[in-house]
Every structure is written in structure tokens, then in C-alpha cells.
Amino acid sequence: RARGSPVPFWAMSLEQSFVKKLGELNASSLSIQTLSNWMSFNQSSSEVLSKTWSSEIQKAKPDRKITLLYLANDVIQQSRKKGNKYKEQIGKHLL
């Protein structure tokens, strides 16, 4: 692999993949729901993904923070319906 060339998506860790997806996230409902569904699919890694989300929201500019909060809201709403752990995990980072 040449220096500076992008890492193939399949070679990334889950956390790296999530950071990339967060970078591509926009405020559209489709974008938020798509990433929220991906997070739900990867709920076994909810602790790592929630910590990563928290780190990214702390670094984000105000407009970007709103989009990341919309994502958290969607994930938490799904969590309530599906019984996964995101409600607890994201809640730890909001308080």
C-alpha cells in the first residue's frame, strides 16, 4: 500500500469505520437513520461506539454537534424499542 493511500473499508477496525461514517453523516433523516441502523446492528460494540461518539461530539463545532445529537436521539429511540444497550451507554456520556 502506498503511503497516504486510503485504507480499504474492509481493513478498518469497527471504531475507525465508525469515525469515517460519522464524518460522512449529514442532518438528513436518511443519513441519520442509516447510521443509527448500523449502530443497532453493531450493538455488541455499543460501549466502544458510544465512547467514540462522545469523543467526536466533544471535538465538533456547534452545528455538527446538533447532527450528532440527532443521531444519538435516533439510536436511543431504537434502543428503547429493541432493548439494546445504547440508551445506557450514550446516557453515560451525556451527563
PDB file of N, CA and C in Angstrom:
ATOM      1  N   ARG A   1       0.848  -1.174   0.000  1.00  0.00           N
ATOM      2  CA  ARG A   1       0.000   0.000   0.000  1.00  0.00           C
ATOM      3  C   ARG A   1       0.889   1.230   0.000  1.00  0.00           C
ATOM      4  N   ALA A   2       0.608   2.137  -0.878  1.00  0.00           N
ATOM      5  CA  ALA A   2       1.388   3.367  -0.974  1.00  0.00           C
ATOM      6  C   ALA A   2       1.065   4.280   0.205  1.00  0.00           C
ATOM      7  N   ARG A   3       2.061   5.005   0.644  1.00  0.00           N
ATOM      8  CA  ARG A   3       1.863   5.918   1.762  1.00  0.00           C
ATOM      9  C   ARG A   3       0.822   6.978   1.390  1.00  0.00           C
ATOM     10  N   GLY A   4      -0.121   7.178   2.300  1.00  0.00           N
ATOM     11  CA  GLY A   4      -1.142   8.186   2.078  1.00  0.00           C
ATOM     12  C   GLY A   4      -2.362   7.680   1.305  1.00  0.00           C
ATOM     13  N   SER A   5      -2.288   6.447   0.806  1.00  0.00           N
ATOM     14  CA  SER A   5      -3.460   5.929   0.097  1.00  0.00           C
ATOM     15  C   SER A   5      -4.503   5.499   1.118  1.00  0.00           C
ATOM     16  N   PRO A   6      -5.769   5.595   0.759  1.00  0.00           N
ATOM     17  CA  PRO A   6      -6.820   5.279   1.719  1.00  0.00           C
ATOM     18  C   PRO A   6      -6.802   3.801   2.101  1.00  0.00           C
ATOM     19  N   VAL A   7      -7.160   3.536   3.349  1.00  0.00           N
ATOM     20  CA  VAL A   7      -7.277   2.167   3.830  1.00  0.00           C
ATOM     21  C   VAL A   7      -8.572   1.589   3.278  1.00  0.00           C
ATOM     22  N   PRO A   8      -8.527   0.375   2.732  1.00  0.00           N
ATOM     23  CA  PRO A   8      -9.782  -0.228   2.258  1.00  0.00           C
ATOM     24  C   PRO A   8     -10.780  -0.329   3.404  1.00  0.00           C
ATOM     25  N   PHE A   9     -12.037  -0.095   3.122  1.00  0.00           N
ATOM     26  CA  PHE A   9     -13.077  -0.089   4.148  1.00  0.00           C
ATOM     27  C   PHE A   9     -13.067  -1.381   4.959  1.00  0.00           C
ATOM     28  N   TRP A  10     -12.871  -2.519   4.312  1.00  0.00           N
ATOM     29  CA  TRP A  10     -12.910  -3.816   4.987  1.00  0.00           C
ATOM     30  C   TRP A  10     -11.732  -4.019   5.928  1.00  0.00           C
ATOM     31  N   ALA A  11     -10.684  -3.239   5.783  1.00  0.00           N
ATOM     32  CA  ALA A  11      -9.494  -3.392   6.615  1.00  0.00           C
ATOM     33  C   ALA A  11      -9.529  -2.507   7.862  1.00  0.00           C
ATOM     34  N   MET A  12     -10.527  -1.687   7.985  1.00  0.00           N
ATOM     35  CA  MET A  12     -10.617  -0.773   9.121  1.00  0.00           C
ATOM     36  C   MET A  12     -11.171  -1.497  10.341  1.00  0.00           C
ATOM     37  N   SER A  13     -10.782  -1.017  11.509  1.00  0.00           N
ATOM     38  CA  SER A  13     -11.402  -1.507  12.736  1.00  0.00           C
ATOM     39  C   SER A  13     -12.828  -0.938  12.794  1.00  0.00           C
ATOM     40  N   LEU A  14     -13.632  -1.504  13.655  1.00  0.00           N
ATOM     41  CA  LEU A  14     -15.000  -1.011  13.804  1.00  0.00           C
ATOM     42  C   LEU A  14     -14.997   0.454  14.223  1.00  0.00           C
ATOM     43  N   GLU A  15     -14.084   0.816  15.131  1.00  0.00           N
ATOM     44  CA  GLU A  15     -14.013   2.201  15.589  1.00  0.00           C
ATOM     45  C   GLU A  15     -13.605   3.134  14.453  1.00  0.00           C
ATOM     46  N   GLN A  16     -12.607   2.742  13.669  1.00  0.00           N
ATOM     47  CA  GLN A  16     -12.185   3.555  12.533  1.00  0.00           C
ATOM     48  C   GLN A  16     -13.319   3.701  11.527  1.00  0.00           C
ATOM     49  N   SER A  17     -14.019   2.621  11.302  1.00  0.00           N
ATOM     50  CA  SER A  17     -15.144   2.644  10.376  1.00  0.00           C
ATOM     51  C   SER A  17     -16.230   3.602  10.874  1.00  0.00           C
ATOM     52  N   PHE A  18     -16.478   3.573  12.176  1.00  0.00           N
ATOM     53  CA  PHE A  18     -17.489   4.438  12.759  1.00  0.00           C
ATOM     54  C   PHE A  18     -17.094   5.912  12.639  1.00  0.00           C
ATOM     55  N   VAL A  19     -15.831   6.220  12.899  1.00  0.00           N
ATOM     56  CA  VAL A  19     -15.353   7.605  12.768  1.00  0.00           C
ATOM     57  C   VAL A  19     -15.543   8.076  11.329  1.00  0.00           C
ATOM     58  N   LYS A  20     -15.241   7.204  10.375  1.00  0.00           N
ATOM     59  CA  LYS A  20     -15.427   7.548   8.953  1.00  0.00           C
ATOM     60  C   LYS A  20     -16.902   7.808   8.669  1.00  0.00           C
ATOM     61  N   LYS A  21     -17.766   6.939   9.173  1.00  0.00           N
ATOM     62  CA  LYS A  21     -19.205   7.101   8.959  1.00  0.00           C
ATOM     63  C   LYS A  21     -19.717   8.387   9.628  1.00  0.00           C
ATOM     64  N   LEU A  22     -19.209   8.693  10.818  1.00  0.00           N
ATOM     65  CA  LEU A  22     -19.607   9.939  11.480  1.00  0.00           C
ATOM     66  C   LEU A  22     -19.185  11.146  10.652  1.00  0.00           C
ATOM     67  N   GLY A  23     -18.021  11.055  10.031  1.00  0.00           N
ATOM     68  CA  GLY A  23     -17.542  12.146   9.183  1.00  0.00           C
ATOM     69  C   GLY A  23     -18.411  12.359   7.958  1.00  0.00           C
ATOM     70  N   GLU A  24     -19.044  11.297   7.500  1.00  0.00           N
ATOM     71  CA  GLU A  24     -19.908  11.367   6.317  1.00  0.00           C
ATOM     72  C   GLU A  24     -21.353  11.681   6.678  1.00  0.00           C
ATOM     73  N   LEU A  25     -21.684  11.644   7.966  1.00  0.00           N
ATOM     74  CA  LEU A  25     -23.052  11.882   8.430  1.00  0.00           C
ATOM     75  C   LEU A  25     -23.494  13.305   8.124  1.00  0.00           C
ATOM     76  N   ASN A  26     -24.726  13.442   7.637  1.00  0.00           N
ATOM     77  CA  ASN A  26     -25.311  14.770   7.475  1.00  0.00           C
ATOM     78  C   ASN A  26     -26.654  14.800   8.196  1.00  0.00           C
ATOM     79  N   ALA A  27     -27.300  15.937   8.219  1.00  0.00           N
ATOM     80  CA  ALA A  27     -28.514  16.125   9.016  1.00  0.00           C
ATOM     81  C   ALA A  27     -29.780  15.560   8.375  1.00  0.00           C
ATOM     82  N   SER A  28     -29.661  14.913   7.225  1.00  0.00           N
ATOM     83  CA  SER A  28     -30.863  14.351   6.599  1.00  0.00           C
ATOM     84  C   SER A  28     -31.363  13.147   7.397  1.00  0.00           C
ATOM     85  N   SER A  29     -32.647  12.942   7.367  1.00  0.00           N
ATOM     86  CA  SER A  29     -33.244  11.798   8.059  1.00  0.00           C
ATOM     87  C   SER A  29     -32.654  10.489   7.572  1.00  0.00           C
ATOM     88  N   LEU A  30     -32.465  10.372   6.271  1.00  0.00           N
ATOM     89  CA  LEU A  30     -31.926   9.133   5.710  1.00  0.00           C
ATOM     90  C   LEU A  30     -30.519   8.852   6.243  1.00  0.00           C
ATOM     91  N   SER A  31     -29.679   9.865   6.277  1.00  0.00           N
ATOM     92  CA  SER A  31     -28.308   9.703   6.762  1.00  0.00           C
ATOM     93  C   SER A  31     -28.303   9.281   8.234  1.00  0.00           C
ATOM     94  N   ILE A  32     -29.103   9.954   9.035  1.00  0.00           N
ATOM     95  CA  ILE A  32     -29.173   9.654  10.467  1.00  0.00           C
ATOM     96  C   ILE A  32     -29.731   8.258  10.698  1.00  0.00           C
ATOM     97  N   GLN A  33     -30.800   7.901  10.018  1.00  0.00           N
ATOM     98  CA  GLN A  33     -31.410   6.587  10.202  1.00  0.00           C
ATOM     99  C   GLN A  33     -30.498   5.466   9.712  1.00  0.00           C
ATOM    100  N   THR A  34     -29.780   5.709   8.639  1.00  0.00           N
ATOM    101  CA  THR A  34     -28.864   4.696   8.111  1.00  0.00           C
ATOM    102  C   THR A  34     -27.760   4.399   9.123  1.00  0.00           C
ATOM    103  N   LEU A  35     -27.149   5.442   9.672  1.00  0.00           N
ATOM    104  CA  LEU A  35     -26.075   5.221  10.648  1.00  0.00           C
ATOM    105  C   LEU A  35     -26.639   4.677  11.955  1.00  0.00           C
ATOM    106  N   SER A  36     -27.800   5.117  12.340  1.00  0.00           N
ATOM    107  CA  SER A  36     -28.448   4.597  13.537  1.00  0.00           C
ATOM    108  C   SER A  36     -28.711   3.092  13.398  1.00  0.00           C
ATOM    109  N   ASN A  37     -29.180   2.676  12.235  1.00  0.00           N
ATOM    110  CA  ASN A  37     -29.407   1.244  11.986  1.00  0.00           C
ATOM    111  C   ASN A  37     -28.102   0.463  12.020  1.00  0.00           C
ATOM    112  N   TRP A  38     -27.036   1.039  11.470  1.00  0.00           N
ATOM    113  CA  TRP A  38     -25.722   0.397  11.501  1.00  0.00           C
ATOM    114  C   TRP A  38     -25.255   0.219  12.945  1.00  0.00           C
ATOM    115  N   MET A  39     -25.466   1.252  13.762  1.00  0.00           N
ATOM    116  CA  MET A  39     -25.086   1.163  15.171  1.00  0.00           C
ATOM    117  C   MET A  39     -25.905   0.093  15.886  1.00  0.00           C
ATOM    118  N   SER A  40     -27.186   0.009  15.572  1.00  0.00           N
ATOM    119  CA  SER A  40     -28.035  -1.006  16.166  1.00  0.00           C
ATOM    120  C   SER A  40     -27.561  -2.408  15.772  1.00  0.00           C
ATOM    121  N   PHE A  41     -27.177  -2.564  14.514  1.00  0.00           N
ATOM    122  CA  PHE A  41     -26.654  -3.841  14.028  1.00  0.00           C
ATOM    123  C   PHE A  41     -25.382  -4.220  14.787  1.00  0.00           C
ATOM    124  N   ASN A  42     -24.586  -3.230  15.163  1.00  0.00           N
ATOM    125  CA  ASN A  42     -23.325  -3.444  15.875  1.00  0.00           C
ATOM    126  C   ASN A  42     -23.466  -3.190  17.377  1.00  0.00           C
ATOM    127  N   GLN A  43     -24.636  -3.491  17.921  1.00  0.00           N
ATOM    128  CA  GLN A  43     -24.909  -3.199  19.323  1.00  0.00           C
ATOM    129  C   GLN A  43     -23.995  -3.947  20.290  1.00  0.00           C
ATOM    130  N   SER A  44     -23.389  -5.031  19.856  1.00  0.00           N
ATOM    131  CA  SER A  44     -22.455  -5.736  20.738  1.00  0.00           C
ATOM    132  C   SER A  44     -21.229  -4.874  21.047  1.00  0.00           C
ATOM    133  N   SER A  45     -20.998  -3.850  20.246  1.00  0.00           N
ATOM    134  CA  SER A  45     -19.884  -2.918  20.460  1.00  0.00           C
ATOM    135  C   SER A  45     -20.396  -1.560  20.932  1.00  0.00           C
ATOM    136  N   SER A  46     -21.543  -1.547  21.587  1.00  0.00           N
ATOM    137  CA  SER A  46     -22.169  -0.274  21.976  1.00  0.00           C
ATOM    138  C   SER A  46     -21.275   0.568  22.877  1.00  0.00           C
ATOM    139  N   GLU A  47     -20.497  -0.053  23.738  1.00  0.00           N
ATOM    140  CA  GLU A  47     -19.637   0.718  24.629  1.00  0.00           C
ATOM    141  C   GLU A  47     -18.563   1.470  23.842  1.00  0.00           C
ATOM    142  N   VAL A  48     -17.903   0.777  22.930  1.00  0.00           N
ATOM    143  CA  VAL A  48     -16.850   1.401  22.111  1.00  0.00           C
ATOM    144  C   VAL A  48     -17.445   2.482  21.213  1.00  0.00           C
ATOM    145  N   LEU A  49     -18.569   2.185  20.578  1.00  0.00           N
ATOM    146  CA  LEU A  49     -19.180   3.150  19.668  1.00  0.00           C
ATOM    147  C   LEU A  49     -19.687   4.369  20.420  1.00  0.00           C
ATOM    148  N   SER A  50     -20.224   4.180  21.608  1.00  0.00           N
ATOM    149  CA  SER A  50     -20.706   5.307  22.407  1.00  0.00           C
ATOM    150  C   SER A  50     -19.550   6.198  22.857  1.00  0.00           C
ATOM    151  N   LYS A  51     -18.435   5.594  23.244  1.00  0.00           N
ATOM    152  CA  LYS A  51     -17.255   6.378  23.628  1.00  0.00           C
ATOM    153  C   LYS A  51     -16.724   7.160  22.430  1.00  0.00           C
ATOM    154  N   THR A  52     -16.723   6.532  21.273  1.00  0.00           N
ATOM    155  CA  THR A  52     -16.256   7.196  20.053  1.00  0.00           C
ATOM    156  C   THR A  52     -17.178   8.354  19.713  1.00  0.00           C
ATOM    157  N   TRP A  53     -18.487   8.132  19.792  1.00  0.00           N
ATOM    158  CA  TRP A  53     -19.464   9.201  19.542  1.00  0.00           C
ATOM    159  C   TRP A  53     -19.202  10.371  20.496  1.00  0.00           C
ATOM    160  N   SER A  54     -18.982  10.078  21.770  1.00  0.00           N
ATOM    161  CA  SER A  54     -18.736  11.113  22.768  1.00  0.00           C
ATOM    162  C   SER A  54     -17.477  11.913  22.424  1.00  0.00           C
ATOM    163  N   SER A  55     -16.438  11.226  22.034  1.00  0.00           N
ATOM    164  CA  SER A  55     -15.192  11.892  21.659  1.00  0.00           C
ATOM    165  C   SER A  55     -15.402  12.811  20.458  1.00  0.00           C
ATOM    166  N   GLU A  56     -16.156  12.340  19.488  1.00  0.00           N
ATOM    167  CA  GLU A  56     -16.403  13.130  18.278  1.00  0.00           C
ATOM    168  C   GLU A  56     -17.289  14.342  18.568  1.00  0.00           C
ATOM    169  N   ILE A  57     -18.268  14.188  19.429  1.00  0.00           N
ATOM    170  CA  ILE A  57     -19.152  15.327  19.720  1.00  0.00           C
ATOM    171  C   ILE A  57     -18.401  16.395  20.512  1.00  0.00           C
ATOM    172  N   GLN A  58     -17.457  15.993  21.343  1.00  0.00           N
ATOM    173  CA  GLN A  58     -16.670  16.969  22.100  1.00  0.00           C
ATOM    174  C   GLN A  58     -15.792  17.814  21.187  1.00  0.00           C
ATOM    175  N   LYS A  59     -15.332  17.227  20.083  1.00  0.00           N
ATOM    176  CA  LYS A  59     -14.463  17.944  19.144  1.00  0.00           C
ATOM    177  C   LYS A  59     -15.238  18.758  18.116  1.00  0.00           C
ATOM    178  N   ALA A  60     -16.526  18.477  17.978  1.00  0.00           N
ATOM    179  CA  ALA A  60     -17.326  19.047  16.890  1.00  0.00           C
ATOM    180  C   ALA A  60     -17.678  20.512  17.113  1.00  0.00           C
ATOM    181  N   LYS A  61     -17.879  21.203  15.996  1.00  0.00           N
ATOM    182  CA  LYS A  61     -18.385  22.576  16.018  1.00  0.00           C
ATOM    183  C   LYS A  61     -19.876  22.527  16.355  1.00  0.00           C
ATOM    184  N   PRO A  62     -20.438  23.643  16.833  1.00  0.00           N
ATOM    185  CA  PRO A  62     -21.839  23.636  17.285  1.00  0.00           C
ATOM    186  C   PRO A  62     -22.849  23.052  16.289  1.00  0.00           C
ATOM    187  N   ASP A  63     -22.774  23.429  15.016  1.00  0.00           N
ATOM    188  CA  ASP A  63     -23.734  22.893  14.038  1.00  0.00           C
ATOM    189  C   ASP A  63     -23.598  21.380  13.903  1.00  0.00           C
ATOM    190  N   ARG A  64     -22.389  20.902  13.960  1.00  0.00           N
ATOM    191  CA  ARG A  64     -22.128  19.469  13.837  1.00  0.00           C
ATOM    192  C   ARG A  64     -22.630  18.712  15.063  1.00  0.00           C
ATOM    193  N   LYS A  65     -22.522  19.355  16.231  1.00  0.00           N
ATOM    194  CA  LYS A  65     -22.994  18.725  17.465  1.00  0.00           C
ATOM    195  C   LYS A  65     -24.483  18.415  17.382  1.00  0.00           C
ATOM    196  N   ILE A  66     -25.234  19.303  16.766  1.00  0.00           N
ATOM    197  CA  ILE A  66     -26.675  19.088  16.632  1.00  0.00           C
ATOM    198  C   ILE A  66     -26.950  17.819  15.826  1.00  0.00           C
ATOM    199  N   THR A  67     -26.230  17.638  14.730  1.00  0.00           N
ATOM    200  CA  THR A  67     -26.411  16.438  13.913  1.00  0.00           C
ATOM    201  C   THR A  67     -26.051  15.194  14.713  1.00  0.00           C
ATOM    202  N   LEU A  68     -24.968  15.256  15.484  1.00  0.00           N
ATOM    203  CA  LEU A  68     -24.572  14.103  16.295  1.00  0.00           C
ATOM    204  C   LEU A  68     -25.584  13.832  17.410  1.00  0.00           C
ATOM    205  N   LEU A  69     -26.238  14.884  17.918  1.00  0.00           N
ATOM    206  CA  LEU A  69     -27.302  14.685  18.904  1.00  0.00           C
ATOM    207  C   LEU A  69     -28.544  14.067  18.261  1.00  0.00           C
ATOM    208  N   TYR A  70     -28.840  14.456  17.012  1.00  0.00           N
ATOM    209  CA  TYR A  70     -29.949  13.822  16.290  1.00  0.00           C
ATOM    210  C   TYR A  70     -29.681  12.325  16.145  1.00  0.00           C
ATOM    211  N   LEU A  71     -28.433  11.982  15.841  1.00  0.00           N
ATOM    212  CA  LEU A  71     -28.068  10.572  15.726  1.00  0.00           C
ATOM    213  C   LEU A  71     -28.282   9.865  17.064  1.00  0.00           C
ATOM    214  N   ALA A  72     -27.790  10.461  18.146  1.00  0.00           N
ATOM    215  CA  ALA A  72     -27.955   9.850  19.465  1.00  0.00           C
ATOM    216  C   ALA A  72     -29.430   9.661  19.795  1.00  0.00           C
ATOM    217  N   ASN A  73     -30.247  10.654  19.481  1.00  0.00           N
ATOM    218  CA  ASN A  73     -31.680  10.546  19.733  1.00  0.00           C
ATOM    219  C   ASN A  73     -32.274   9.354  18.982  1.00  0.00           C
ATOM    220  N   ASP A  74     -31.931   9.205  17.717  1.00  0.00           N
ATOM    221  CA  ASP A  74     -32.472   8.103  16.936  1.00  0.00           C
ATOM    222  C   ASP A  74     -32.009   6.753  17.493  1.00  0.00           C
ATOM    223  N   VAL A  75     -30.742   6.676  17.872  1.00  0.00           N
ATOM    224  CA  VAL A  75     -30.205   5.433  18.432  1.00  0.00           C
ATOM    225  C   VAL A  75     -30.900   5.096  19.751  1.00  0.00           C
ATOM    226  N   ILE A  76     -31.094   6.094  20.600  1.00  0.00           N
ATOM    227  CA  ILE A  76     -31.746   5.858  21.883  1.00  0.00           C
ATOM    228  C   ILE A  76     -33.200   5.439  21.681  1.00  0.00           C
ATOM    229  N   GLN A  77     -33.896   6.072  20.726  1.00  0.00           N
ATOM    230  CA  GLN A  77     -35.284   5.679  20.438  1.00  0.00           C
ATOM    231  C   GLN A  77     -35.349   4.228  19.973  1.00  0.00           C
ATOM    232  N   GLN A  78     -34.431   3.841  19.099  1.00  0.00           N
ATOM    233  CA  GLN A  78     -34.386   2.443  18.650  1.00  0.00           C
ATOM    234  C   GLN A  78     -34.050   1.516  19.814  1.00  0.00           C
ATOM    235  N   SER A  79     -33.158   1.968  20.676  1.00  0.00           N
ATOM    236  CA  SER A  79     -32.739   1.179  21.827  1.00  0.00           C
ATOM    237  C   SER A  79     -33.932   0.857  22.720  1.00  0.00           C
ATOM    238  N   ARG A  80     -34.784   1.827  22.908  1.00  0.00           N
ATOM    239  CA  ARG A  80     -35.987   1.605  23.727  1.00  0.00           C
ATOM    240  C   ARG A  80     -36.866   0.527  23.124  1.00  0.00           C
ATOM    241  N   LYS A  81     -36.976   0.515  21.807  1.00  0.00           N
ATOM    242  CA  LYS A  81     -37.836  -0.444  21.126  1.00  0.00           C
ATOM    243  C   LYS A  81     -37.216  -1.842  21.059  1.00  0.00           C
ATOM    244  N   LYS A  82     -35.896  -1.892  20.882  1.00  0.00           N
ATOM    245  CA  LYS A  82     -35.221  -3.170  20.644  1.00  0.00           C
ATOM    246  C   LYS A  82     -34.504  -3.717  21.876  1.00  0.00           C
ATOM    247  N   GLY A  83     -34.447  -2.916  22.923  1.00  0.00           N
ATOM    248  CA  GLY A  83     -33.835  -3.393  24.151  1.00  0.00           C
ATOM    249  C   GLY A  83     -32.320  -3.508  24.108  1.00  0.00           C
ATOM    250  N   ASN A  84     -31.652  -2.740  23.241  1.00  0.00           N
ATOM    251  CA  ASN A  84     -30.194  -2.810  23.268  1.00  0.00           C
ATOM    252  C   ASN A  84     -29.624  -1.814  24.270  1.00  0.00           C
ATOM    253  N   LYS A  85     -28.325  -1.782  24.408  1.00  0.00           N
ATOM    254  CA  LYS A  85     -27.680  -1.061  25.495  1.00  0.00           C
ATOM    255  C   LYS A  85     -27.319   0.386  25.196  1.00  0.00           C
ATOM    256  N   TYR A  86     -27.643   0.891  24.037  1.00  0.00           N
ATOM    257  CA  TYR A  86     -27.228   2.251  23.703  1.00  0.00           C
ATOM    258  C   TYR A  86     -27.817   3.302  24.631  1.00  0.00           C
ATOM    259  N   LYS A  87     -29.018   3.093  25.091  1.00  0.00           N
ATOM    260  CA  LYS A  87     -29.639   4.070  25.991  1.00  0.00           C
ATOM    261  C   LYS A  87     -28.737   4.291  27.200  1.00  0.00           C
ATOM    262  N   GLU A  88     -28.253   3.219  27.792  1.00  0.00           N
ATOM    263  CA  GLU A  88     -27.367   3.316  28.950  1.00  0.00           C
ATOM    264  C   GLU A  88     -26.005   3.883  28.554  1.00  0.00           C
ATOM    265  N   GLN A  89     -25.448   3.373  27.467  1.00  0.00           N
ATOM    266  CA  GLN A  89     -24.093   3.751  27.069  1.00  0.00           C
ATOM    267  C   GLN A  89     -24.004   5.232  26.660  1.00  0.00           C
ATOM    268  N   ILE A  90     -24.917   5.681  25.839  1.00  0.00           N
ATOM    269  CA  ILE A  90     -24.882   7.092  25.412  1.00  0.00           C
ATOM    270  C   ILE A  90     -25.232   7.993  26.595  1.00  0.00           C
ATOM    271  N   GLY A  91     -26.158   7.538  27.423  1.00  0.00           N
ATOM    272  CA  GLY A  91     -26.536   8.316  28.611  1.00  0.00           C
ATOM    273  C   GLY A  91     -25.351   8.609  29.508  1.00  0.00           C
ATOM    274  N   LYS A  92     -24.424   7.674  29.626  1.00  0.00           N
ATOM    275  CA  LYS A  92     -23.228   7.886  30.447  1.00  0.00           C
ATOM    276  C   LYS A  92     -22.415   9.080  29.940  1.00  0.00           C
ATOM    277  N   HIS A  93     -22.421   9.261  28.649  1.00  0.00           N
ATOM    278  CA  HIS A  93     -21.591  10.294  28.040  1.00  0.00           C
ATOM    279  C   HIS A  93     -22.310  11.643  27.916  1.00  0.00           C
ATOM    280  N   LEU A  94     -23.601  11.649  28.127  1.00  0.00           N
ATOM    281  CA  LEU A  94     -24.350  12.906  28.039  1.00  0.00           C
ATOM    282  C   LEU A  94     -24.362  13.653  29.369  1.00  0.00           C
ATOM    283  N   LEU A  95     -24.192  12.942  30.440  1.00  0.00           N
ATOM    284  CA  LEU A  95     -24.261  13.575  31.763  1.00  0.00           C
ATOM    285  C   LEU A  95     -22.913  13.996  32.269  1.00  0.00           C
TER     286      LEU A  95
END
